[in-house]
Amino acid sequence: MAETASVALRYDRSLPAPFVVASGRGDLAARIAGIAAEAGVPVRDDPDLAQRLVCLDPGAVIPEELFAPVAEILAFVLALDGEG
């Protein structure tokens, strides 16, 4: 079983793709998820995608092959915010 991973993403419409704000495994993953919950940031549980993104450094733009699954998450967040 893979270690728990958390990745915080940000999307700015002026940029070509979403990018990683923070990522971590284990205790750091729990801290990232806890900070998001405390701040009211929407969280989507997708362990497979998190494992693929967690290796990216903060500031890294997501790779093109992950555009589709990340777009699904952005649509989920926009729907929660009433913008979708």
Protein backbone atom coordinates (compact mmCIF):
# COMPACT_ATOMS: atom_id res chain seq x y z
CA MET A 1 0.00 0.00 0.00
CA ALA A 2 1.36 3.41 -0.97
CA GLU A 3 2.01 6.01 1.69
CA THR A 4 -0.63 8.74 1.93
CA ALA A 5 0.10 11.74 -0.28
CA SER A 6 -1.39 15.24 -0.40
CA VAL A 7 -0.90 17.86 -3.08
CA ALA A 8 -2.13 21.44 -3.05
CA LEU A 9 -2.75 22.88 -6.51
CA ARG A 10 -3.41 26.39 -7.68
CA TYR A 11 -4.86 27.54 -10.96
CA ASP A 12 -4.52 31.06 -12.22
CA ARG A 13 -6.33 31.70 -15.50
CA SER A 14 -3.42 33.84 -16.67
CA LEU A 15 -1.11 30.81 -16.60
CA PRO A 16 -1.12 27.91 -19.07
CA ALA A 17 -1.76 25.20 -16.46
CA PRO A 18 -2.29 24.57 -12.74
CA PHE A 19 0.80 24.30 -10.59
CA VAL A 20 1.84 22.65 -7.35
CA VAL A 21 1.77 24.83 -4.24
CA ALA A 22 2.71 22.13 -1.72
CA SER A 23 3.11 18.37 -1.67
CA GLY A 24 4.11 15.71 0.79
CA ARG A 25 3.73 12.17 2.05
CA GLY A 26 2.87 10.71 5.44
CA ASP A 27 2.87 13.26 8.26
CA LEU A 28 3.42 16.16 5.87
CA ALA A 29 0.46 14.98 3.78
CA ALA A 30 -1.70 15.02 6.90
CA ARG A 31 -0.50 18.55 7.72
CA ILE A 32 -1.31 19.78 4.20
CA ALA A 33 -4.80 18.25 4.39
CA GLY A 34 -5.34 19.71 7.88
CA ILE A 35 -4.30 23.20 6.81
CA ALA A 36 -6.64 22.98 3.81
CA ALA A 37 -9.54 21.89 6.02
CA GLU A 38 -8.90 24.68 8.54
CA ALA A 39 -8.78 27.25 5.73
CA GLY A 40 -11.97 25.97 4.13
CA VAL A 41 -10.15 24.89 0.98
CA PRO A 42 -12.08 22.22 -0.94
CA VAL A 43 -10.39 18.81 -0.78
CA ARG A 44 -10.87 15.97 -3.23
CA ASP A 45 -9.71 12.48 -2.31
CA ASP A 46 -7.89 10.97 -5.31
CA PRO A 47 -5.02 8.82 -4.02
CA ASP A 48 -3.86 7.70 -7.48
CA LEU A 49 -3.59 11.25 -8.79
CA ALA A 50 -1.96 12.45 -5.57
CA GLN A 51 0.71 9.75 -5.94
CA ARG A 52 1.41 10.95 -9.49
CA LEU A 53 1.60 14.62 -8.46
CA VAL A 54 3.45 14.37 -5.15
CA CYS A 55 6.81 13.95 -6.87
CA LEU A 56 6.51 17.44 -8.39
CA ASP A 57 8.25 20.31 -6.63
CA PRO A 58 6.31 23.35 -5.44
CA GLY A 59 5.98 25.79 -8.34
CA ALA A 60 6.05 23.02 -10.94
CA VAL A 61 3.36 23.14 -13.60
CA ILE A 62 1.44 19.88 -13.84
CA PRO A 63 2.50 17.68 -16.78
CA GLU A 64 0.27 17.59 -19.83
CA GLU A 65 -0.63 13.93 -19.31
CA LEU A 66 -2.35 14.92 -16.04
CA PHE A 67 -4.37 17.82 -17.49
CA ALA A 68 -7.59 15.77 -17.78
CA PRO A 69 -7.70 14.41 -14.20
CA VAL A 70 -6.69 17.78 -12.77
CA ALA A 71 -9.36 19.49 -14.88
CA GLU A 72 -11.92 17.17 -13.24
CA ILE A 73 -10.75 18.36 -9.84
CA LEU A 74 -10.95 22.00 -10.89
CA ALA A 75 -14.50 21.42 -12.16
CA PHE A 76 -15.34 19.81 -8.79
CA VAL A 77 -13.97 22.84 -6.91
CA LEU A 78 -15.75 25.33 -9.17
CA ALA A 79 -19.02 23.47 -8.67
CA LEU A 80 -18.57 23.68 -4.89
CA ASP A 81 -17.94 27.41 -5.22
CA GLY A 82 -21.05 27.80 -7.38
CA GLU A 83 -19.01 28.88 -10.39
CA GLY A 84 -19.38 25.68 -12.42
